[in-house]
C-alpha atoms as a PDB file:
ATOM      1  CA  MET A   1     -26.130  18.046 -22.150  1.00  0.00           C
ATOM      2  CA  SER A   2     -26.774  16.712 -19.025  1.00  0.00           C
ATOM      3  CA  SER A   3     -25.829  13.454 -17.225  1.00  0.00           C
ATOM      4  CA  LEU A   4     -27.284  11.016 -14.619  1.00  0.00           C
ATOM      5  CA  LEU A   5     -24.803  12.964 -12.117  1.00  0.00           C
ATOM      6  CA  TYR A   6     -24.919  16.592 -13.034  1.00  0.00           C
ATOM      7  CA  ASP A   7     -26.679  18.945 -15.346  1.00  0.00           C
ATOM      8  CA  ALA A   8     -24.659  20.499 -17.941  1.00  0.00           C
ATOM      9  CA  GLN A   9     -23.115  23.856 -17.268  1.00  0.00           C
ATOM     10  CA  GLY A  10     -24.595  26.738 -18.277  1.00  0.00           C
ATOM     11  CA  PRO A  11     -22.657  29.989 -19.736  1.00  0.00           C
ATOM     12  CA  ARG A  12     -22.482  31.956 -16.232  1.00  0.00           C
ATOM     13  CA  ALA A  13     -21.204  28.323 -14.868  1.00  0.00           C
ATOM     14  CA  LYS A  14     -18.505  28.449 -17.288  1.00  0.00           C
ATOM     15  CA  ARG A  15     -17.032  32.138 -17.191  1.00  0.00           C
ATOM     16  CA  ARG A  16     -17.359  31.222 -13.275  1.00  0.00           C
ATOM     17  CA  ASN A  17     -14.996  27.991 -13.288  1.00  0.00           C
ATOM     18  CA  VAL A  18     -13.119  30.194 -15.865  1.00  0.00           C
ATOM     19  CA  LEU A  19     -12.434  32.976 -13.839  1.00  0.00           C
ATOM     20  CA  PHE A  20     -11.768  30.289 -10.708  1.00  0.00           C
ATOM     21  CA  THR A  21      -8.874  28.520 -12.439  1.00  0.00           C
ATOM     22  CA  ALA A  22      -7.167  31.857 -13.877  1.00  0.00           C
ATOM     23  CA  VAL A  23      -7.310  33.023 -10.155  1.00  0.00           C
ATOM     24  CA  PHE A  24      -5.941  29.548  -8.861  1.00  0.00           C
ATOM     25  CA  VAL A  25      -3.452  29.390 -11.576  1.00  0.00           C
ATOM     26  CA  VAL A  26      -2.063  33.028 -10.664  1.00  0.00           C
ATOM     27  CA  ALA A  27      -2.167  32.189  -6.924  1.00  0.00           C
ATOM     28  CA  LEU A  28       0.049  29.028  -7.624  1.00  0.00           C
ATOM     29  CA  ALA A  29       2.737  31.525  -9.717  1.00  0.00           C
ATOM     30  CA  ALA A  30       2.578  33.891  -7.091  1.00  0.00           C
ATOM     31  CA  VAL A  31       3.909  30.569  -4.368  1.00  0.00           C
ATOM     32  CA  VAL A  32       6.270  29.275  -6.844  1.00  0.00           C
ATOM     33  CA  TRP A  33       7.860  33.118  -7.682  1.00  0.00           C
ATOM     34  CA  TRP A  34       7.866  33.361  -3.776  1.00  0.00           C
ATOM     35  CA  VAL A  35       9.151  30.049  -2.684  1.00  0.00           C
ATOM     36  CA  TYR A  36      12.032  30.628  -5.464  1.00  0.00           C
ATOM     37  CA  THR A  37      12.911  33.860  -4.748  1.00  0.00           C
ATOM     38  CA  SER A  38      13.610  32.863  -1.041  1.00  0.00           C
ATOM     39  CA  LEU A  39      15.501  30.194  -1.730  1.00  0.00           C
ATOM     40  CA  ASP A  40      17.233  32.532  -3.844  1.00  0.00           C
ATOM     41  CA  ASP A  41      17.658  34.870  -1.334  1.00  0.00           C
ATOM     42  CA  LYS A  42      19.417  32.492   0.905  1.00  0.00           C
ATOM     43  CA  GLY A  43      22.008  31.139  -1.311  1.00  0.00           C
ATOM     44  CA  GLN A  44      20.097  27.715  -1.636  1.00  0.00           C
ATOM     45  CA  LEU A  45      19.640  27.339  -5.310  1.00  0.00           C
ATOM     46  CA  GLU A  46      23.725  27.793  -5.994  1.00  0.00           C
ATOM     47  CA  TRP A  47      25.141  25.241  -8.027  1.00  0.00           C
ATOM     48  CA  THR A  48      27.557  24.267  -5.386  1.00  0.00           C
ATOM     49  CA  LEU A  49      24.712  22.945  -3.651  1.00  0.00           C
ATOM     50  CA  TRP A  50      23.090  20.923  -6.125  1.00  0.00           C
ATOM     51  CA  LYS A  51      26.639  19.962  -7.970  1.00  0.00           C
ATOM     52  CA  PRO A  52      26.694  16.343  -5.811  1.00  0.00           C
ATOM     53  CA  PHE A  53      23.512  14.880  -7.735  1.00  0.00           C
ATOM     54  CA  PHE A  54      24.325  16.020 -11.230  1.00  0.00           C
ATOM     55  CA  ALA A  55      28.092  16.356 -11.615  1.00  0.00           C
ATOM     56  CA  GLY A  56      30.030  13.109 -10.308  1.00  0.00           C
ATOM     57  CA  THR A  57      28.317   9.887  -8.605  1.00  0.00           C
ATOM     58  CA  GLU A  58      29.776   9.809  -5.058  1.00  0.00           C
ATOM     59  CA  ALA A  59      26.538  10.916  -3.752  1.00  0.00           C
ATOM     60  CA  TRP A  60      24.543   8.556  -5.337  1.00  0.00           C
ATOM     61  CA  SER A  61      27.102   5.651  -4.544  1.00  0.00           C
ATOM     62  CA  THR A  62      27.930   6.570  -1.074  1.00  0.00           C
ATOM     63  CA  TYR A  63      24.975   7.529   0.388  1.00  0.00           C
ATOM     64  CA  LEU A  64      21.663   7.406  -1.908  1.00  0.00           C
ATOM     65  CA  TRP A  65      21.620   4.258  -3.277  1.00  0.00           C
ATOM     66  CA  PRO A  66      22.747   2.525  -0.626  1.00  0.00           C
ATOM     67  CA  GLY A  67      20.215   4.247   1.350  1.00  0.00           C
ATOM     68  CA  LEU A  68      17.456   2.965  -1.451  1.00  0.00           C
ATOM     69  CA  GLN A  69      18.317  -0.509  -1.041  1.00  0.00           C
ATOM     70  CA  ASN A  70      17.922  -0.440   2.201  1.00  0.00           C
ATOM     71  CA  THR A  71      14.421   1.286   2.279  1.00  0.00           C
ATOM     72  CA  LEU A  72      13.254  -0.922  -0.603  1.00  0.00           C
ATOM     73  CA  LYS A  73      15.174  -4.014   1.689  1.00  0.00           C
ATOM     74  CA  ALA A  74      12.708  -3.211   4.313  1.00  0.00           C
ATOM     75  CA  ALA A  75       9.594  -2.762   2.379  1.00  0.00           C
ATOM     76  CA  ALA A  76       9.430  -5.762   0.396  1.00  0.00           C
ATOM     77  CA  LEU A  77      10.121  -7.892   3.367  1.00  0.00           C
ATOM     78  CA  ALA A  78       7.662  -6.025   5.312  1.00  0.00           C
ATOM     79  CA  MET A  79       4.933  -6.509   2.030  1.00  0.00           C
ATOM     80  CA  VAL A  80       5.514  -9.927   1.628  1.00  0.00           C
ATOM     81  CA  ILE A  81       5.015 -10.688   5.157  1.00  0.00           C
ATOM     82  CA  ALA A  82       1.959  -8.469   5.848  1.00  0.00           C
ATOM     83  CA  LEU A  83      -0.583  -9.176   2.827  1.00  0.00           C
ATOM     84  CA  PRO A  84      -0.930 -12.698   3.160  1.00  0.00           C
ATOM     85  CA  LEU A  85      -0.803 -12.270   7.054  1.00  0.00           C
ATOM     86  CA  GLY A  86      -3.580  -9.529   6.107  1.00  0.00           C
ATOM     87  CA  ALA A  87      -5.484 -11.801   4.241  1.00  0.00           C
ATOM     88  CA  VAL A  88      -5.426 -14.388   6.448  1.00  0.00           C
ATOM     89  CA  LEU A  89      -6.725 -12.232   9.744  1.00  0.00           C
ATOM     90  CA  GLY A  90      -9.338 -10.706   7.523  1.00  0.00           C
ATOM     91  CA  ILE A  91     -10.655 -13.855   6.237  1.00  0.00           C
ATOM     92  CA  ALA A  92     -10.693 -14.925   9.978  1.00  0.00           C
ATOM     93  CA  ARG A  93     -12.626 -11.891  11.105  1.00  0.00           C
ATOM     94  CA  LEU A  94     -15.408 -13.395   8.750  1.00  0.00           C
ATOM     95  CA  SER A  95     -15.120 -16.962  10.144  1.00  0.00           C
ATOM     96  CA  ASP A  96     -18.500 -18.669  11.290  1.00  0.00           C
ATOM     97  CA  HIS A  97     -16.425 -20.224  14.480  1.00  0.00           C
ATOM     98  CA  ARG A  98     -15.987 -17.829  17.418  1.00  0.00           C
ATOM     99  CA  TRP A  99     -12.945 -19.490  18.555  1.00  0.00           C
ATOM    100  CA  VAL A 100     -11.337 -18.453  15.470  1.00  0.00           C
ATOM    101  CA  ARG A 101     -13.195 -15.212  14.982  1.00  0.00           C
ATOM    102  CA  VAL A 102     -12.423 -13.433  18.411  1.00  0.00           C
ATOM    103  CA  PRO A 103      -9.117 -14.059  18.620  1.00  0.00           C
ATOM    104  CA  ALA A 104      -8.235 -12.999  15.033  1.00  0.00           C
ATOM    105  CA  SER A 105     -10.378  -9.751  15.990  1.00  0.00           C
ATOM    106  CA  VAL A 106      -8.659  -8.512  19.179  1.00  0.00           C
ATOM    107  CA  VAL A 107      -4.953  -9.459  17.318  1.00  0.00           C
ATOM    108  CA  VAL A 108      -6.123  -6.761  14.387  1.00  0.00           C
ATOM    109  CA  GLU A 109      -7.739  -4.143  16.613  1.00  0.00           C
ATOM    110  CA  PHE A 110      -4.758  -4.017  18.990  1.00  0.00           C
ATOM    111  CA  PHE A 111      -2.103  -3.547  16.494  1.00  0.00           C
ATOM    112  CA  ARG A 112      -4.119  -1.400  14.393  1.00  0.00           C
ATOM    113  CA  ALA A 113      -4.430   0.940  17.410  1.00  0.00           C
ATOM    114  CA  ILE A 114      -0.686   1.074  18.462  1.00  0.00           C
ATOM    115  CA  PRO A 115       1.585   3.132  16.533  1.00  0.00           C
ATOM    116  CA  VAL A 116       3.929   1.703  14.453  1.00  0.00           C
ATOM    117  CA  LEU A 117       6.976   3.395  15.924  1.00  0.00           C
ATOM    118  CA  VAL A 118       6.122   2.225  19.054  1.00  0.00           C
ATOM    119  CA  LEU A 119       6.311  -1.277  17.715  1.00  0.00           C
ATOM    120  CA  MET A 120       9.566  -0.663  16.061  1.00  0.00           C
ATOM    121  CA  ILE A 121      10.524   0.326  19.628  1.00  0.00           C
ATOM    122  CA  PHE A 122       9.054  -2.578  21.248  1.00  0.00           C
ATOM    123  CA  GLY A 123      10.727  -4.923  18.339  1.00  0.00           C
ATOM    124  CA  VAL A 124      13.993  -3.527  18.888  1.00  0.00           C
ATOM    125  CA  ALA A 125      14.204  -4.249  22.944  1.00  0.00           C
ATOM    126  CA  LEU A 126      12.573  -7.324  22.194  1.00  0.00           C
ATOM    127  CA  TYR A 127      15.304  -8.390  19.978  1.00  0.00           C
ATOM    128  CA  ALA A 128      17.719  -7.223  22.036  1.00  0.00           C
ATOM    129  CA  LYS A 129      16.730  -9.192  25.022  1.00  0.00           C
ATOM    130  CA  TYR A 130      15.729 -12.414  23.598  1.00  0.00           C
ATOM    131  CA  THR A 131      17.298 -13.166  20.620  1.00  0.00           C
ATOM    132  CA  ASN A 132      20.624 -13.407  19.698  1.00  0.00           C
ATOM    133  CA  ILE A 133      20.726 -11.117  16.470  1.00  0.00           C
ATOM    134  CA  SER A 134      23.288  -9.024  15.970  1.00  0.00           C
ATOM    135  CA  SER A 135      23.203  -5.255  16.776  1.00  0.00           C
ATOM    136  CA  ASP A 136      23.942  -4.503  12.911  1.00  0.00           C
ATOM    137  CA  ASP A 137      20.782  -6.437  12.038  1.00  0.00           C
ATOM    138  CA  ARG A 138      18.726  -5.396  14.808  1.00  0.00           C
ATOM    139  CA  PRO A 139      17.260  -2.326  13.343  1.00  0.00           C
ATOM    140  CA  LEU A 140      16.258  -3.900   9.653  1.00  0.00           C
ATOM    141  CA  TYR A 141      14.369  -6.773  12.000  1.00  0.00           C
ATOM    142  CA  ALA A 142      12.579  -4.306  14.096  1.00  0.00           C
ATOM    143  CA  VAL A 143      11.274  -2.314  11.329  1.00  0.00           C
ATOM    144  CA  VAL A 144      10.028  -4.994   9.340  1.00  0.00           C
ATOM    145  CA  THR A 145       8.456  -6.300  12.843  1.00  0.00           C
ATOM    146  CA  GLY A 146       6.620  -2.981  13.177  1.00  0.00           C
ATOM    147  CA  LEU A 147       5.678  -2.519   9.590  1.00  0.00           C
ATOM    148  CA  VAL A 148       4.135  -5.670   9.610  1.00  0.00           C
ATOM    149  CA  LEU A 149       2.313  -6.043  12.585  1.00  0.00           C
ATOM    150  CA  TYR A 150       0.839  -2.896  11.887  1.00  0.00           C
ATOM    151  CA  ASN A 151      -0.101  -3.268   8.393  1.00  0.00           C
ATOM    152  CA  ALA A 152      -1.171  -6.564   8.528  1.00  0.00           C
ATOM    153  CA  ALA A 153      -3.719  -5.416  10.797  1.00  0.00           C
ATOM    154  CA  VAL A 154      -4.848  -2.644   8.631  1.00  0.00           C
ATOM    155  CA  LEU A 155      -4.708  -4.870   5.534  1.00  0.00           C
ATOM    156  CA  ALA A 156      -6.747  -7.669   7.342  1.00  0.00           C
ATOM    157  CA  GLU A 157      -9.588  -4.487   7.768  1.00  0.00           C
ATOM    158  CA  ILE A 158      -9.463  -3.961   4.044  1.00  0.00           C
ATOM    159  CA  VAL A 159      -9.987  -8.005   3.015  1.00  0.00           C
ATOM    160  CA  ARG A 160     -12.747  -8.451   5.117  1.00  0.00           C
ATOM    161  CA  ALA A 161     -14.434  -5.222   3.841  1.00  0.00           C
ATOM    162  CA  GLY A 162     -13.901  -5.535   0.393  1.00  0.00           C
ATOM    163  CA  ILE A 163     -15.561  -9.658   1.044  1.00  0.00           C
ATOM    164  CA  LEU A 164     -18.359  -7.826   3.082  1.00  0.00           C
ATOM    165  CA  ALA A 165     -18.631  -5.873  -0.289  1.00  0.00           C
ATOM    166  CA  LEU A 166     -19.513  -8.246  -2.557  1.00  0.00           C
ATOM    167  CA  PRO A 167     -23.816  -8.932  -2.881  1.00  0.00           C
ATOM    168  CA  LYS A 168     -24.639 -11.752  -0.960  1.00  0.00           C
ATOM    169  CA  GLY A 169     -25.855 -13.484  -3.725  1.00  0.00           C
ATOM    170  CA  GLN A 170     -22.332 -14.662  -4.982  1.00  0.00           C
ATOM    171  CA  ALA A 171     -21.795 -17.133  -1.808  1.00  0.00           C
ATOM    172  CA  GLU A 172     -25.633 -18.015  -2.095  1.00  0.00           C
ATOM    173  CA  ALA A 173     -25.320 -19.422  -5.510  1.00  0.00           C
ATOM    174  CA  ALA A 174     -21.446 -20.698  -4.871  1.00  0.00           C
ATOM    175  CA  VAL A 175     -23.004 -22.664  -1.756  1.00  0.00           C
ATOM    176  CA  ALA A 176     -26.402 -23.778  -4.191  1.00  0.00           C
ATOM    177  CA  ILE A 177     -24.085 -25.556  -6.503  1.00  0.00           C
ATOM    178  CA  GLY A 178     -22.452 -27.314  -3.907  1.00  0.00           C
ATOM    179  CA  LEU A 179     -19.135 -25.485  -2.902  1.00  0.00           C
ATOM    180  CA  ARG A 180     -17.621 -25.436   0.832  1.00  0.00           C
ATOM    181  CA  LYS A 181     -17.234 -22.602   2.628  1.00  0.00           C
ATOM    182  CA  ASN A 182     -13.539 -22.911   1.977  1.00  0.00           C
ATOM    183  CA  GLN A 183     -14.218 -23.210  -1.609  1.00  0.00           C
ATOM    184  CA  VAL A 184     -16.580 -20.448  -1.585  1.00  0.00           C
ATOM    185  CA  MET A 185     -13.996 -18.160  -0.423  1.00  0.00           C
ATOM    186  CA  ARG A 186     -11.135 -19.365  -2.243  1.00  0.00           C
ATOM    187  CA  LEU A 187     -13.096 -19.794  -5.447  1.00  0.00           C
ATOM    188  CA  ILE A 188     -15.453 -16.839  -5.656  1.00  0.00           C
ATOM    189  CA  LEU A 189     -15.508 -14.670  -3.082  1.00  0.00           C
ATOM    190  CA  LEU A 190     -11.444 -13.465  -3.158  1.00  0.00           C
ATOM    191  CA  PRO A 191     -10.911 -13.521  -6.892  1.00  0.00           C
ATOM    192  CA  GLN A 192     -13.691 -11.178  -7.120  1.00  0.00           C
ATOM    193  CA  SER A 193     -12.753  -8.731  -3.861  1.00  0.00           C
ATOM    194  CA  VAL A 194      -9.619  -8.553  -5.147  1.00  0.00           C
ATOM    195  CA  THR A 195      -9.948  -5.601  -7.788  1.00  0.00           C
ATOM    196  CA  ALA A 196     -12.139  -4.003  -5.546  1.00  0.00           C
ATOM    197  CA  MET A 197      -9.765  -3.684  -2.726  1.00  0.00           C
ATOM    198  CA  LEU A 198      -6.713  -3.090  -5.172  1.00  0.00           C
ATOM    199  CA  PRO A 199      -6.562   0.920  -4.629  1.00  0.00           C
ATOM    200  CA  ALA A 200      -6.634   0.381  -1.042  1.00  0.00           C
ATOM    201  CA  ILE A 201      -3.935  -2.372  -0.754  1.00  0.00           C
ATOM    202  CA  VAL A 202      -1.657  -0.011  -3.081  1.00  0.00           C
ATOM    203  CA  SER A 203      -2.466   2.964  -0.761  1.00  0.00           C
ATOM    204  CA  GLN A 204      -1.081   0.758   2.625  1.00  0.00           C
ATOM    205  CA  LEU A 205       1.783  -0.458   0.461  1.00  0.00           C
ATOM    206  CA  VAL A 206       2.776   3.260   0.184  1.00  0.00           C
ATOM    207  CA  VAL A 207       2.719   3.806   3.952  1.00  0.00           C
ATOM    208  CA  ILE A 208       4.824   0.885   4.182  1.00  0.00           C
ATOM    209  CA  VAL A 209       7.502   2.477   1.519  1.00  0.00           C
ATOM    210  CA  LYS A 210       6.887   5.945   3.618  1.00  0.00           C
ATOM    211  CA  ASP A 211       6.980   4.146   7.269  1.00  0.00           C
ATOM    212  CA  THR A 212      10.187   2.700   6.557  1.00  0.00           C
ATOM    213  CA  ALA A 213      11.875   6.477   7.509  1.00  0.00           C
ATOM    214  CA  LEU A 214      10.657   5.986  10.945  1.00  0.00           C
ATOM    215  CA  GLY A 215      13.396   3.181  11.427  1.00  0.00           C
ATOM    216  CA  GLY A 216      15.970   5.740  10.628  1.00  0.00           C
ATOM    217  CA  ALA A 217      15.282   8.434  12.431  1.00  0.00           C
ATOM    218  CA  VAL A 218      14.833   6.672  15.829  1.00  0.00           C
ATOM    219  CA  LEU A 219      16.050   3.009  15.434  1.00  0.00           C
ATOM    220  CA  THR A 220      19.655   3.992  13.122  1.00  0.00           C
ATOM    221  CA  TYR A 221      18.483   1.862  10.411  1.00  0.00           C
ATOM    222  CA  PRO A 222      20.463   3.200   7.616  1.00  0.00           C
ATOM    223  CA  GLU A 223      17.395   3.866   5.334  1.00  0.00           C
ATOM    224  CA  LEU A 224      17.019   6.581   2.291  1.00  0.00           C
ATOM    225  CA  LEU A 225      16.203   9.500   4.757  1.00  0.00           C
ATOM    226  CA  SER A 226      18.926   8.434   7.239  1.00  0.00           C
ATOM    227  CA  SER A 227      21.644   8.445   4.578  1.00  0.00           C
ATOM    228  CA  ALA A 228      20.475  12.299   3.669  1.00  0.00           C
ATOM    229  CA  ASN A 229      21.091  13.015   7.221  1.00  0.00           C
ATOM    230  CA  THR A 230      24.316  11.631   6.721  1.00  0.00           C
ATOM    231  CA  MET A 231      25.054  13.533   2.954  1.00  0.00           C
ATOM    232  CA  ILE A 232      23.784  16.752   4.406  1.00  0.00           C
ATOM    233  CA  GLY A 233      26.403  16.662   7.141  1.00  0.00           C
ATOM    234  CA  TYR A 234      29.308  16.307   4.699  1.00  0.00           C
ATOM    235  CA  TYR A 235      27.826  18.507   1.762  1.00  0.00           C
ATOM    236  CA  GLY A 236      25.878  20.921   3.912  1.00  0.00           C
ATOM    237  CA  ASN A 237      23.074  21.129   1.557  1.00  0.00           C
ATOM    238  CA  THR A 238      19.928  20.474   3.278  1.00  0.00           C
ATOM    239  CA  ILE A 239      17.307  21.946   1.044  1.00  0.00           C
ATOM    240  CA  ALA A 240      19.174  19.753  -2.085  1.00  0.00           C
ATOM    241  CA  SER A 241      19.387  16.812  -0.693  1.00  0.00           C
ATOM    242  CA  PHE A 242      16.298  16.460   0.963  1.00  0.00           C
ATOM    243  CA  THR A 243      14.423  17.698  -2.491  1.00  0.00           C
ATOM    244  CA  VAL A 244      16.724  14.905  -4.157  1.00  0.00           C
ATOM    245  CA  VAL A 245      15.561  12.392  -1.460  1.00  0.00           C
ATOM    246  CA  ALA A 246      11.529  13.745  -1.926  1.00  0.00           C
ATOM    247  CA  VAL A 247      11.938  12.757  -5.683  1.00  0.00           C
ATOM    248  CA  ILE A 248      12.963   9.608  -5.297  1.00  0.00           C
ATOM    249  CA  PHE A 249      10.103   9.142  -2.743  1.00  0.00           C
ATOM    250  CA  ILE A 250       7.744  10.330  -5.289  1.00  0.00           C
ATOM    251  CA  ALA A 251       9.501   8.086  -8.115  1.00  0.00           C
ATOM    252  CA  VAL A 252       8.868   5.079  -6.065  1.00  0.00           C
ATOM    253  CA  ASN A 253       5.974   5.488  -4.871  1.00  0.00           C
ATOM    254  CA  PHE A 254       4.464   6.455  -8.438  1.00  0.00           C
ATOM    255  CA  SER A 255       6.216   3.707  -9.654  1.00  0.00           C
ATOM    256  CA  LEU A 256       4.374   1.144  -7.497  1.00  0.00           C
ATOM    257  CA  THR A 257       0.817   3.069  -7.719  1.00  0.00           C
ATOM    258  CA  SER A 258       1.206   2.534 -11.490  1.00  0.00           C
ATOM    259  CA  PHE A 259       1.634  -0.725 -11.201  1.00  0.00           C
ATOM    260  CA  ALA A 260      -1.402  -1.292  -9.766  1.00  0.00           C
ATOM    261  CA  SER A 261      -3.527   0.670 -11.966  1.00  0.00           C
ATOM    262  CA  TRP A 262      -2.198  -1.465 -14.821  1.00  0.00           C
ATOM    263  CA  LEU A 263      -2.945  -4.432 -12.614  1.00  0.00           C
ATOM    264  CA  GLU A 264      -6.473  -3.317 -11.919  1.00  0.00           C
ATOM    265  CA  GLY A 265      -7.208  -2.593 -15.565  1.00  0.00           C
ATOM    266  CA  ARG A 266      -5.604  -5.649 -16.897  1.00  0.00           C
ATOM    267  CA  LEU A 267      -7.950  -7.522 -13.922  1.00  0.00           C
ATOM    268  CA  ARG A 268     -11.297  -5.921 -14.956  1.00  0.00           C
ATOM    269  CA  ARG A 269     -10.746  -6.479 -18.463  1.00  0.00           C
ATOM    270  CA  GLY A 270     -10.030 -10.520 -17.592  1.00  0.00           C
ATOM    271  CA  LYS A 271     -13.225 -10.742 -15.557  1.00  0.00           C
ATOM    272  CA  LYS A 272     -15.565  -9.314 -18.723  1.00  0.00           C
ATOM    273  CA  SER A 273     -17.889 -12.124 -19.112  1.00  0.00           C
ATOM    274  CA  THR A 274     -17.548 -14.381 -22.301  1.00  0.00           C
ATOM    275  CA  GLY A 275     -21.299 -15.563 -22.257  1.00  0.00           C
ATOM    276  CA  ALA A 276     -20.387 -18.983 -21.307  1.00  0.00           C
ATOM    277  CA  VAL A 277     -22.856 -20.640 -19.116  1.00  0.00           C
ATOM    278  CA  LEU A 278     -21.396 -23.120 -16.792  1.00  0.00           C
ATOM    279  CA  GLY A 279     -23.393 -26.571 -17.027  1.00  0.00           C
ATOM    280  CA  ALA A 280     -23.891 -29.002 -14.586  1.00  0.00           C
ATOM    281  CA  ASP A 281     -20.985 -31.239 -14.937  1.00  0.00           C
ATOM    282  CA  ALA A 282     -18.573 -28.118 -14.645  1.00  0.00           C
ATOM    283  CA  ALA A 283     -20.340 -27.205 -11.555  1.00  0.00           C
ATOM    284  CA  ALA A 284     -19.928 -31.125  -9.961  1.00  0.00           C
ATOM    285  CA  GLU A 285     -16.422 -30.511 -10.637  1.00  0.00           C
ATOM    286  CA  LEU A 286     -15.877 -27.817  -8.457  1.00  0.00           C
ATOM    287  CA  ALA A 287     -18.437 -29.424  -5.741  1.00  0.00           C
ATOM    288  CA  ALA A 288     -17.081 -31.658  -2.872  1.00  0.00           C
ATOM    289  CA  PRO A 289     -16.624 -35.069  -4.342  1.00  0.00           C
ATOM    290  CA  GLY A 290     -19.294 -36.508  -2.339  1.00  0.00           C
ATOM    291  CA  ASP A 291     -21.882 -34.330  -3.521  1.00  0.00           C
ATOM    292  CA  HIS A 292     -21.203 -35.020  -7.324  1.00  0.00           C
ATOM    293  CA  GLU A 293     -24.201 -37.654  -7.500  1.00  0.00           C
ATOM    294  CA  ASP A 294     -26.830 -35.083  -5.909  1.00  0.00           C
ATOM    295  CA  LEU A 295     -25.928 -32.636  -8.490  1.00  0.00           C
ATOM    296  CA  GLN A 296     -26.459 -34.784 -10.851  1.00  0.00           C
ATOM    297  CA  LYS A 297     -29.562 -36.192  -9.638  1.00  0.00           C
ATOM    298  CA  THR A 298     -31.159 -32.415  -9.358  1.00  0.00           C
ATOM    299  CA  SER A 299     -29.738 -31.383 -12.634  1.00  0.00           C
END
């Protein structure tokens, strides 16, 4: 049986794929065994190093949970600000007015080209010199500022690309029934492009969660990875601590991507056509009030 994309595999191709799969499994098992034996030889798998995470709550309540809270706080604030700001900048780049399009393009290209760590360091210096924010709160403000400026610029390009990917007939049909430009964007283009943009947007949100670690490494922001470094100094279990932190990051990001996949599927199912036809009266309600009479005469 063949499809439009590829022909069905023959007996030789199937045997070759089985062979490649077996070789890969054996190689993977060898790598896992080598890692296990190396850690075991260096005493990194001793129970005393892993005991703080499985016997007692001190490591979790003192180090991991507060660090995770700070990571989620910074990431959530950055997401809430960067998403709408990126959408506004992305739409502004599509404006017909040069005085709107050019400044938005300059802002996006400028902040997209600067490393997020540089923006965080700049934020610390800015808040220290020109604001009354306390030194305890300054790292959080700087981390959120850097994440917002960089990721809003990236999200703006995602939004712009998602809208441009739609067929031109969508906007032309909306204009033909009397919708104004802002109505075309708000009611026609953005709702349709959200589903297509969602995977890229979620990928950028995952980047936001991971980049909070830069604030802990450089700005002494007490996020999850920074808390793990403090915990390592107390327990002396470097491999175990970093492994647990990695698992926590994986769980958080996997939860985010799983929710996005569920939401994308729900949006796609909700957009399936019911066969309803938009009448002239319904179209007139969406159009500008002054265009109502013209629409009725045309229909």
